[in-house]
Amino acid sequence: MKIPGIVVRLIFVLCVPVLLLTASLGCAANSLWLYKYGFQKYNVRQTLALSGVELTDSGLEEIYSGLISYYNSAEEYVNFTVTKYDQPSDLFTNEESIHFRDVKGLIRLDYGVLLGTMIYVLGYIVLNLLWRKPRNRRHLAWSVFGGGILTLALMLALGLGITLGFDRLFLVFHLVSFSNEFWSVQGNMVQLFPVQFFYDAAMFCVLAIAAGAVILGGVSGGYLLITRRREDLT
């Protein structure tokens, strides 16, 4: 195979884990179910009540739903008015609102990478399917299989890292991703999103990505076995 063809296939293989990762992160950021799971498991409503913020479960859902809407809107800053010690109060401080703006920027970056890798992956698949030579379809299957195996290896390493040293990874991620330390300010933000919630969310993403990789690897591997047997019979 010519060098350009090898490079194109290699880029496709590398795009597979990136595509699955960005899709998983995008889904997690927009998953009201995940947020509800977090506030129920970690008693967020009771924790906020200790600081004087009284919210019902439906009120908490509205806040998480509002954050999802904010991530996908043109608004620069987000805030909510709540009742604190029987008085109207802003839910977030200015520093917390700035941090949510930075988080929104990362989510938008995730969307951009997802779109770019999706276009490349779909283009590669369509071109190989339209090219009717069986050899090209086997090349496609091998590329998908390789991307699935690479993804599984990366998720195994990431899952092990999360299990053994999540706090360290969490700190490094924030130091690399943000130009300020507003992510560490004390306030209602850390009550709404305790560190343990991010551990659970990270593990959910790892498992979802690994499941996607298994499906891709299984389908492509099955196709390779079937077509190989046909070649042997002919």
C-alpha atoms as a PDB file:
ATOM      1  CA  MET A   1       0.000   0.000   0.000  1.00  0.00           C
ATOM      2  CA  LYS A   2       1.219   3.479  -0.814  1.00  0.00           C
ATOM      3  CA  ILE A   3       2.377   5.774   1.981  1.00  0.00           C
ATOM      4  CA  PRO A   4      -0.576   8.255   1.650  1.00  0.00           C
ATOM      5  CA  GLY A   5      -3.013   5.345   2.018  1.00  0.00           C
ATOM      6  CA  ILE A   6      -1.260   4.135   5.156  1.00  0.00           C
ATOM      7  CA  VAL A   7      -1.348   7.633   6.646  1.00  0.00           C
ATOM      8  CA  VAL A   8      -5.074   7.984   5.883  1.00  0.00           C
ATOM      9  CA  ARG A   9      -5.790   4.639   7.567  1.00  0.00           C
ATOM     10  CA  LEU A  10      -3.613   5.509  10.561  1.00  0.00           C
ATOM     11  CA  ILE A  11      -5.441   8.812  11.030  1.00  0.00           C
ATOM     12  CA  PHE A  12      -8.749   6.920  10.911  1.00  0.00           C
ATOM     13  CA  VAL A  13      -7.572   4.458  13.587  1.00  0.00           C
ATOM     14  CA  LEU A  14      -6.489   7.365  15.806  1.00  0.00           C
ATOM     15  CA  CYS A  15      -9.802   9.140  15.210  1.00  0.00           C
ATOM     16  CA  VAL A  16     -11.849   6.218  16.545  1.00  0.00           C
ATOM     17  CA  PRO A  17     -10.920   6.667  20.247  1.00  0.00           C
ATOM     18  CA  VAL A  18     -11.112  10.452  19.898  1.00  0.00           C
ATOM     19  CA  LEU A  19     -14.572  10.181  18.366  1.00  0.00           C
ATOM     20  CA  LEU A  20     -15.828   7.846  21.090  1.00  0.00           C
ATOM     21  CA  LEU A  21     -14.259   9.977  23.831  1.00  0.00           C
ATOM     22  CA  THR A  22     -15.666  13.303  22.638  1.00  0.00           C
ATOM     23  CA  ALA A  23     -19.093  11.756  22.012  1.00  0.00           C
ATOM     24  CA  SER A  24     -19.102  10.298  25.526  1.00  0.00           C
ATOM     25  CA  LEU A  25     -18.048  13.590  27.123  1.00  0.00           C
ATOM     26  CA  GLY A  26     -20.633  15.520  25.142  1.00  0.00           C
ATOM     27  CA  CYS A  27     -23.361  13.112  26.213  1.00  0.00           C
ATOM     28  CA  ALA A  28     -22.252  13.297  29.848  1.00  0.00           C
ATOM     29  CA  ALA A  29     -22.254  17.104  29.857  1.00  0.00           C
ATOM     30  CA  ASN A  30     -25.831  17.096  28.516  1.00  0.00           C
ATOM     31  CA  SER A  31     -27.168  14.200  30.582  1.00  0.00           C
ATOM     32  CA  LEU A  32     -29.799  15.333  33.065  1.00  0.00           C
ATOM     33  CA  TRP A  33     -30.049  11.693  34.174  1.00  0.00           C
ATOM     34  CA  LEU A  34     -26.391  11.751  35.218  1.00  0.00           C
ATOM     35  CA  TYR A  35     -26.837  14.968  37.189  1.00  0.00           C
ATOM     36  CA  LYS A  36     -29.946  13.572  38.922  1.00  0.00           C
ATOM     37  CA  TYR A  37     -27.994  10.427  39.783  1.00  0.00           C
ATOM     38  CA  GLY A  38     -25.285  12.610  41.339  1.00  0.00           C
ATOM     39  CA  PHE A  39     -27.490  14.833  43.456  1.00  0.00           C
ATOM     40  CA  GLN A  40     -29.478  11.863  44.735  1.00  0.00           C
ATOM     41  CA  LYS A  41     -26.421   9.729  45.554  1.00  0.00           C
ATOM     42  CA  TYR A  42     -24.479  12.508  47.256  1.00  0.00           C
ATOM     43  CA  ASN A  43     -27.389  14.227  49.042  1.00  0.00           C
ATOM     44  CA  VAL A  44     -26.774  17.552  47.323  1.00  0.00           C
ATOM     45  CA  ARG A  45     -30.078  19.039  48.497  1.00  0.00           C
ATOM     46  CA  GLN A  46     -29.258  18.305  52.135  1.00  0.00           C
ATOM     47  CA  THR A  47     -25.721  19.652  51.739  1.00  0.00           C
ATOM     48  CA  LEU A  48     -27.004  22.919  50.264  1.00  0.00           C
ATOM     49  CA  ALA A  49     -29.521  23.182  53.089  1.00  0.00           C
ATOM     50  CA  LEU A  50     -26.642  23.257  55.591  1.00  0.00           C
ATOM     51  CA  SER A  51     -25.491  26.512  53.960  1.00  0.00           C
ATOM     52  CA  GLY A  52     -29.005  27.955  54.029  1.00  0.00           C
ATOM     53  CA  VAL A  53     -30.033  27.188  50.426  1.00  0.00           C
ATOM     54  CA  GLU A  54     -33.425  25.501  50.411  1.00  0.00           C
ATOM     55  CA  LEU A  55     -34.246  23.613  47.196  1.00  0.00           C
ATOM     56  CA  THR A  56     -36.653  20.836  46.320  1.00  0.00           C
ATOM     57  CA  ASP A  57     -35.628  17.975  44.043  1.00  0.00           C
ATOM     58  CA  SER A  58     -37.532  19.611  41.189  1.00  0.00           C
ATOM     59  CA  GLY A  59     -35.735  22.879  41.923  1.00  0.00           C
ATOM     60  CA  LEU A  60     -32.389  21.107  41.690  1.00  0.00           C
ATOM     61  CA  GLU A  61     -33.439  19.529  38.402  1.00  0.00           C
ATOM     62  CA  GLU A  62     -34.249  22.979  37.061  1.00  0.00           C
ATOM     63  CA  ILE A  63     -30.755  24.187  37.961  1.00  0.00           C
ATOM     64  CA  TYR A  64     -29.018  21.257  36.275  1.00  0.00           C
ATOM     65  CA  SER A  65     -31.329  21.582  33.271  1.00  0.00           C
ATOM     66  CA  GLY A  66     -30.527  25.302  33.173  1.00  0.00           C
ATOM     67  CA  LEU A  67     -26.817  24.521  33.129  1.00  0.00           C
ATOM     68  CA  ILE A  68     -27.315  22.175  30.166  1.00  0.00           C
ATOM     69  CA  SER A  69     -29.200  24.927  28.342  1.00  0.00           C
ATOM     70  CA  TYR A  70     -26.440  27.404  29.204  1.00  0.00           C
ATOM     71  CA  TYR A  71     -23.730  25.150  27.770  1.00  0.00           C
ATOM     72  CA  ASN A  72     -25.590  25.182  24.459  1.00  0.00           C
ATOM     73  CA  SER A  73     -26.541  28.864  24.431  1.00  0.00           C
ATOM     74  CA  ALA A  74     -24.843  32.115  23.473  1.00  0.00           C
ATOM     75  CA  GLU A  75     -24.928  33.445  27.055  1.00  0.00           C
ATOM     76  CA  GLU A  76     -21.517  34.297  28.489  1.00  0.00           C
ATOM     77  CA  TYR A  77     -22.323  33.835  32.168  1.00  0.00           C
ATOM     78  CA  VAL A  78     -24.824  31.790  34.138  1.00  0.00           C
ATOM     79  CA  ASN A  79     -26.424  32.296  37.512  1.00  0.00           C
ATOM     80  CA  PHE A  80     -29.587  31.364  39.340  1.00  0.00           C
ATOM     81  CA  THR A  81     -31.555  33.101  42.044  1.00  0.00           C
ATOM     82  CA  VAL A  82     -32.358  30.919  45.039  1.00  0.00           C
ATOM     83  CA  THR A  83     -33.711  31.385  48.535  1.00  0.00           C
ATOM     84  CA  LYS A  84     -30.967  31.506  51.153  1.00  0.00           C
ATOM     85  CA  TYR A  85     -31.972  32.025  54.773  1.00  0.00           C
ATOM     86  CA  ASP A  86     -35.390  33.138  53.496  1.00  0.00           C
ATOM     87  CA  GLN A  87     -33.842  35.848  51.299  1.00  0.00           C
ATOM     88  CA  PRO A  88     -33.287  35.932  47.490  1.00  0.00           C
ATOM     89  CA  SER A  89     -29.633  35.234  46.713  1.00  0.00           C
ATOM     90  CA  ASP A  90     -27.398  34.398  43.758  1.00  0.00           C
ATOM     91  CA  LEU A  91     -26.549  30.707  43.671  1.00  0.00           C
ATOM     92  CA  PHE A  92     -23.023  31.304  42.332  1.00  0.00           C
ATOM     93  CA  THR A  93     -20.350  33.861  43.066  1.00  0.00           C
ATOM     94  CA  ASN A  94     -18.683  35.832  40.255  1.00  0.00           C
ATOM     95  CA  GLU A  95     -15.701  33.470  40.368  1.00  0.00           C
ATOM     96  CA  GLU A  96     -17.968  30.447  40.030  1.00  0.00           C
ATOM     97  CA  SER A  97     -19.799  32.025  37.082  1.00  0.00           C
ATOM     98  CA  ILE A  98     -16.446  32.629  35.387  1.00  0.00           C
ATOM     99  CA  HIS A  99     -15.521  29.003  35.928  1.00  0.00           C
ATOM    100  CA  PHE A 100     -18.760  27.840  34.321  1.00  0.00           C
ATOM    101  CA  ARG A 101     -17.900  30.078  31.363  1.00  0.00           C
ATOM    102  CA  ASP A 102     -14.549  28.283  31.105  1.00  0.00           C
ATOM    103  CA  VAL A 103     -16.269  24.893  31.359  1.00  0.00           C
ATOM    104  CA  LYS A 104     -18.614  25.957  28.567  1.00  0.00           C
ATOM    105  CA  GLY A 105     -15.568  26.756  26.442  1.00  0.00           C
ATOM    106  CA  LEU A 106     -14.208  23.240  26.977  1.00  0.00           C
ATOM    107  CA  ILE A 107     -17.573  21.722  26.060  1.00  0.00           C
ATOM    108  CA  ARG A 108     -17.650  23.778  22.868  1.00  0.00           C
ATOM    109  CA  LEU A 109     -14.113  22.593  22.100  1.00  0.00           C
ATOM    110  CA  ASP A 110     -15.306  19.020  22.645  1.00  0.00           C
ATOM    111  CA  TYR A 111     -18.138  19.634  20.163  1.00  0.00           C
ATOM    112  CA  GLY A 112     -15.656  20.928  17.593  1.00  0.00           C
ATOM    113  CA  VAL A 113     -13.307  17.951  17.919  1.00  0.00           C
ATOM    114  CA  LEU A 114     -16.284  15.589  17.809  1.00  0.00           C
ATOM    115  CA  LEU A 115     -17.562  17.172  14.601  1.00  0.00           C
ATOM    116  CA  GLY A 116     -14.133  17.099  12.958  1.00  0.00           C
ATOM    117  CA  THR A 117     -13.426  13.465  13.778  1.00  0.00           C
ATOM    118  CA  MET A 118     -16.975  12.446  12.827  1.00  0.00           C
ATOM    119  CA  ILE A 119     -16.626  14.040   9.389  1.00  0.00           C
ATOM    120  CA  TYR A 120     -13.298  12.288   8.807  1.00  0.00           C
ATOM    121  CA  VAL A 121     -14.518   8.902  10.046  1.00  0.00           C
ATOM    122  CA  LEU A 122     -17.764   9.016   8.068  1.00  0.00           C
ATOM    123  CA  GLY A 123     -15.936  10.200   4.956  1.00  0.00           C
ATOM    124  CA  TYR A 124     -13.431   7.357   5.234  1.00  0.00           C
ATOM    125  CA  ILE A 125     -16.191   4.782   5.730  1.00  0.00           C
ATOM    126  CA  VAL A 126     -18.332   6.055   2.849  1.00  0.00           C
ATOM    127  CA  LEU A 127     -15.422   6.147   0.429  1.00  0.00           C
ATOM    128  CA  ASN A 128     -14.412   2.595   1.289  1.00  0.00           C
ATOM    129  CA  LEU A 129     -17.979   1.329   0.991  1.00  0.00           C
ATOM    130  CA  LEU A 130     -18.497   3.036  -2.351  1.00  0.00           C
ATOM    131  CA  TRP A 131     -15.265   1.507  -3.591  1.00  0.00           C
ATOM    132  CA  ARG A 132     -16.702  -1.876  -4.448  1.00  0.00           C
ATOM    133  CA  LYS A 133     -13.507  -3.919  -4.305  1.00  0.00           C
ATOM    134  CA  PRO A 134     -13.723  -6.469  -1.445  1.00  0.00           C
ATOM    135  CA  ARG A 135     -10.129  -5.643  -0.550  1.00  0.00           C
ATOM    136  CA  ASN A 136     -11.074  -2.068   0.288  1.00  0.00           C
ATOM    137  CA  ARG A 137     -13.888  -3.213   2.538  1.00  0.00           C
ATOM    138  CA  ARG A 138     -11.512  -5.511   4.372  1.00  0.00           C
ATOM    139  CA  HIS A 139      -9.122  -2.572   4.764  1.00  0.00           C
ATOM    140  CA  LEU A 140     -12.014  -0.654   6.302  1.00  0.00           C
ATOM    141  CA  ALA A 141     -12.815  -3.543   8.646  1.00  0.00           C
ATOM    142  CA  TRP A 142      -9.170  -3.799   9.703  1.00  0.00           C
ATOM    143  CA  SER A 143      -9.099  -0.052  10.367  1.00  0.00           C
ATOM    144  CA  VAL A 144     -12.252  -0.220  12.499  1.00  0.00           C
ATOM    145  CA  PHE A 145     -10.896  -3.264  14.332  1.00  0.00           C
ATOM    146  CA  GLY A 146      -7.594  -1.478  14.990  1.00  0.00           C
ATOM    147  CA  GLY A 147      -9.421   1.611  16.253  1.00  0.00           C
ATOM    148  CA  GLY A 148     -11.493  -0.542  18.594  1.00  0.00           C
ATOM    149  CA  ILE A 149      -8.438  -2.324  19.993  1.00  0.00           C
ATOM    150  CA  LEU A 150      -6.593   0.982  20.463  1.00  0.00           C
ATOM    151  CA  THR A 151      -9.620   2.442  22.249  1.00  0.00           C
ATOM    152  CA  LEU A 152      -9.884  -0.550  24.584  1.00  0.00           C
ATOM    153  CA  ALA A 153      -6.193  -0.294  25.467  1.00  0.00           C
ATOM    154  CA  LEU A 154      -6.501   3.427  26.202  1.00  0.00           C
ATOM    155  CA  MET A 155      -9.653   2.942  28.298  1.00  0.00           C
ATOM    156  CA  LEU A 156      -7.969   0.161  30.271  1.00  0.00           C
ATOM    157  CA  ALA A 157      -5.079   2.488  31.073  1.00  0.00           C
ATOM    158  CA  LEU A 158      -7.398   5.403  31.843  1.00  0.00           C
ATOM    159  CA  GLY A 159      -9.701   3.284  33.996  1.00  0.00           C
ATOM    160  CA  LEU A 160      -6.711   1.998  35.952  1.00  0.00           C
ATOM    161  CA  GLY A 161      -5.417   5.542  36.401  1.00  0.00           C
ATOM    162  CA  ILE A 162      -8.820   6.753  37.617  1.00  0.00           C
ATOM    163  CA  THR A 163      -9.124   3.855  40.054  1.00  0.00           C
ATOM    164  CA  LEU A 164      -5.641   4.260  41.521  1.00  0.00           C
ATOM    165  CA  GLY A 165      -5.115   8.011  41.360  1.00  0.00           C
ATOM    166  CA  PHE A 166      -8.260   9.930  40.510  1.00  0.00           C
ATOM    167  CA  ASP A 167      -7.502  12.871  42.798  1.00  0.00           C
ATOM    168  CA  ARG A 168      -4.147  13.419  41.108  1.00  0.00           C
ATOM    169  CA  LEU A 169      -5.631  13.141  37.621  1.00  0.00           C
ATOM    170  CA  PHE A 170      -8.453  15.492  38.606  1.00  0.00           C
ATOM    171  CA  LEU A 171      -5.972  18.093  39.825  1.00  0.00           C
ATOM    172  CA  VAL A 172      -3.720  17.812  36.761  1.00  0.00           C
ATOM    173  CA  PHE A 173      -6.725  18.098  34.442  1.00  0.00           C
ATOM    174  CA  HIS A 174      -7.821  21.360  36.053  1.00  0.00           C
ATOM    175  CA  LEU A 175      -4.316  22.819  36.134  1.00  0.00           C
ATOM    176  CA  VAL A 176      -3.873  22.087  32.422  1.00  0.00           C
ATOM    177  CA  SER A 177      -7.382  23.028  31.270  1.00  0.00           C
ATOM    178  CA  PHE A 178      -7.969  26.303  33.116  1.00  0.00           C
ATOM    179  CA  SER A 179      -5.955  29.512  33.218  1.00  0.00           C
ATOM    180  CA  ASN A 180      -7.257  30.450  36.680  1.00  0.00           C
ATOM    181  CA  GLU A 181      -8.015  28.670  39.940  1.00  0.00           C
ATOM    182  CA  PHE A 182     -11.693  29.576  40.154  1.00  0.00           C
ATOM    183  CA  TRP A 183     -12.472  25.853  39.882  1.00  0.00           C
ATOM    184  CA  SER A 184     -11.244  25.508  43.467  1.00  0.00           C
ATOM    185  CA  VAL A 185     -13.297  28.298  45.038  1.00  0.00           C
ATOM    186  CA  GLN A 186     -15.548  27.261  47.889  1.00  0.00           C
ATOM    187  CA  GLY A 187     -19.247  27.787  47.315  1.00  0.00           C
ATOM    188  CA  ASN A 188     -22.397  26.198  46.009  1.00  0.00           C
ATOM    189  CA  MET A 189     -20.661  24.990  42.856  1.00  0.00           C
ATOM    190  CA  VAL A 190     -18.677  22.350  44.725  1.00  0.00           C
ATOM    191  CA  GLN A 191     -21.849  21.366  46.585  1.00  0.00           C
ATOM    192  CA  LEU A 192     -23.684  20.804  43.303  1.00  0.00           C
ATOM    193  CA  PHE A 193     -20.733  18.912  41.830  1.00  0.00           C
ATOM    194  CA  PRO A 194     -18.783  17.061  44.535  1.00  0.00           C
ATOM    195  CA  VAL A 195     -15.501  15.456  43.514  1.00  0.00           C
ATOM    196  CA  GLN A 196     -17.000  11.987  43.973  1.00  0.00           C
ATOM    197  CA  PHE A 197     -19.558  12.801  41.278  1.00  0.00           C
ATOM    198  CA  PHE A 198     -16.778  13.432  38.763  1.00  0.00           C
ATOM    199  CA  TYR A 199     -15.218  10.089  39.659  1.00  0.00           C
ATOM    200  CA  ASP A 200     -18.502   8.341  38.882  1.00  0.00           C
ATOM    201  CA  ALA A 201     -18.986  10.344  35.689  1.00  0.00           C
ATOM    202  CA  ALA A 202     -15.458   9.507  34.530  1.00  0.00           C
ATOM    203  CA  MET A 203     -16.007   5.800  35.131  1.00  0.00           C
ATOM    204  CA  PHE A 204     -19.343   5.903  33.307  1.00  0.00           C
ATOM    205  CA  CYS A 205     -17.610   7.506  30.317  1.00  0.00           C
ATOM    206  CA  VAL A 206     -14.799   4.941  30.363  1.00  0.00           C
ATOM    207  CA  LEU A 207     -17.267   2.055  30.459  1.00  0.00           C
ATOM    208  CA  ALA A 208     -19.424   3.575  27.712  1.00  0.00           C
ATOM    209  CA  ILE A 209     -16.390   4.124  25.472  1.00  0.00           C
ATOM    210  CA  ALA A 210     -15.120   0.609  26.148  1.00  0.00           C
ATOM    211  CA  ALA A 211     -18.548  -0.816  25.272  1.00  0.00           C
ATOM    212  CA  GLY A 212     -18.541   1.122  22.011  1.00  0.00           C
ATOM    213  CA  ALA A 213     -15.057  -0.164  21.226  1.00  0.00           C
ATOM    214  CA  VAL A 214     -16.133  -3.767  21.919  1.00  0.00           C
ATOM    215  CA  ILE A 215     -19.075  -3.382  19.545  1.00  0.00           C
ATOM    216  CA  LEU A 216     -16.908  -1.899  16.796  1.00  0.00           C
ATOM    217  CA  GLY A 217     -14.221  -4.531  17.296  1.00  0.00           C
ATOM    218  CA  GLY A 218     -16.745  -7.363  17.393  1.00  0.00           C
ATOM    219  CA  VAL A 219     -18.583  -6.318  14.235  1.00  0.00           C
ATOM    220  CA  SER A 220     -15.428  -5.616  12.251  1.00  0.00           C
ATOM    221  CA  GLY A 221     -13.689  -8.737  13.556  1.00  0.00           C
ATOM    222  CA  GLY A 222     -16.697 -10.873  12.662  1.00  0.00           C
ATOM    223  CA  TYR A 223     -16.728  -9.436   9.153  1.00  0.00           C
ATOM    224  CA  LEU A 224     -13.024 -10.204   8.736  1.00  0.00           C
ATOM    225  CA  LEU A 225     -13.520 -13.816   9.853  1.00  0.00           C
ATOM    226  CA  ILE A 226     -16.496 -14.360   7.551  1.00  0.00           C
ATOM    227  CA  THR A 227     -14.813 -12.866   4.498  1.00  0.00           C
ATOM    228  CA  ARG A 228     -11.603 -14.755   5.254  1.00  0.00           C
ATOM    229  CA  ARG A 229     -13.505 -18.059   5.252  1.00  0.00           C
ATOM    230  CA  ARG A 230     -15.144 -17.153   1.961  1.00  0.00           C
ATOM    231  CA  GLU A 231     -11.735 -16.443   0.452  1.00  0.00           C
ATOM    232  CA  ASP A 232     -10.463 -19.814   1.718  1.00  0.00           C
ATOM    233  CA  LEU A 233     -13.421 -21.616   0.149  1.00  0.00           C
ATOM    234  CA  THR A 234     -12.854 -19.931  -3.190  1.00  0.00           C
END
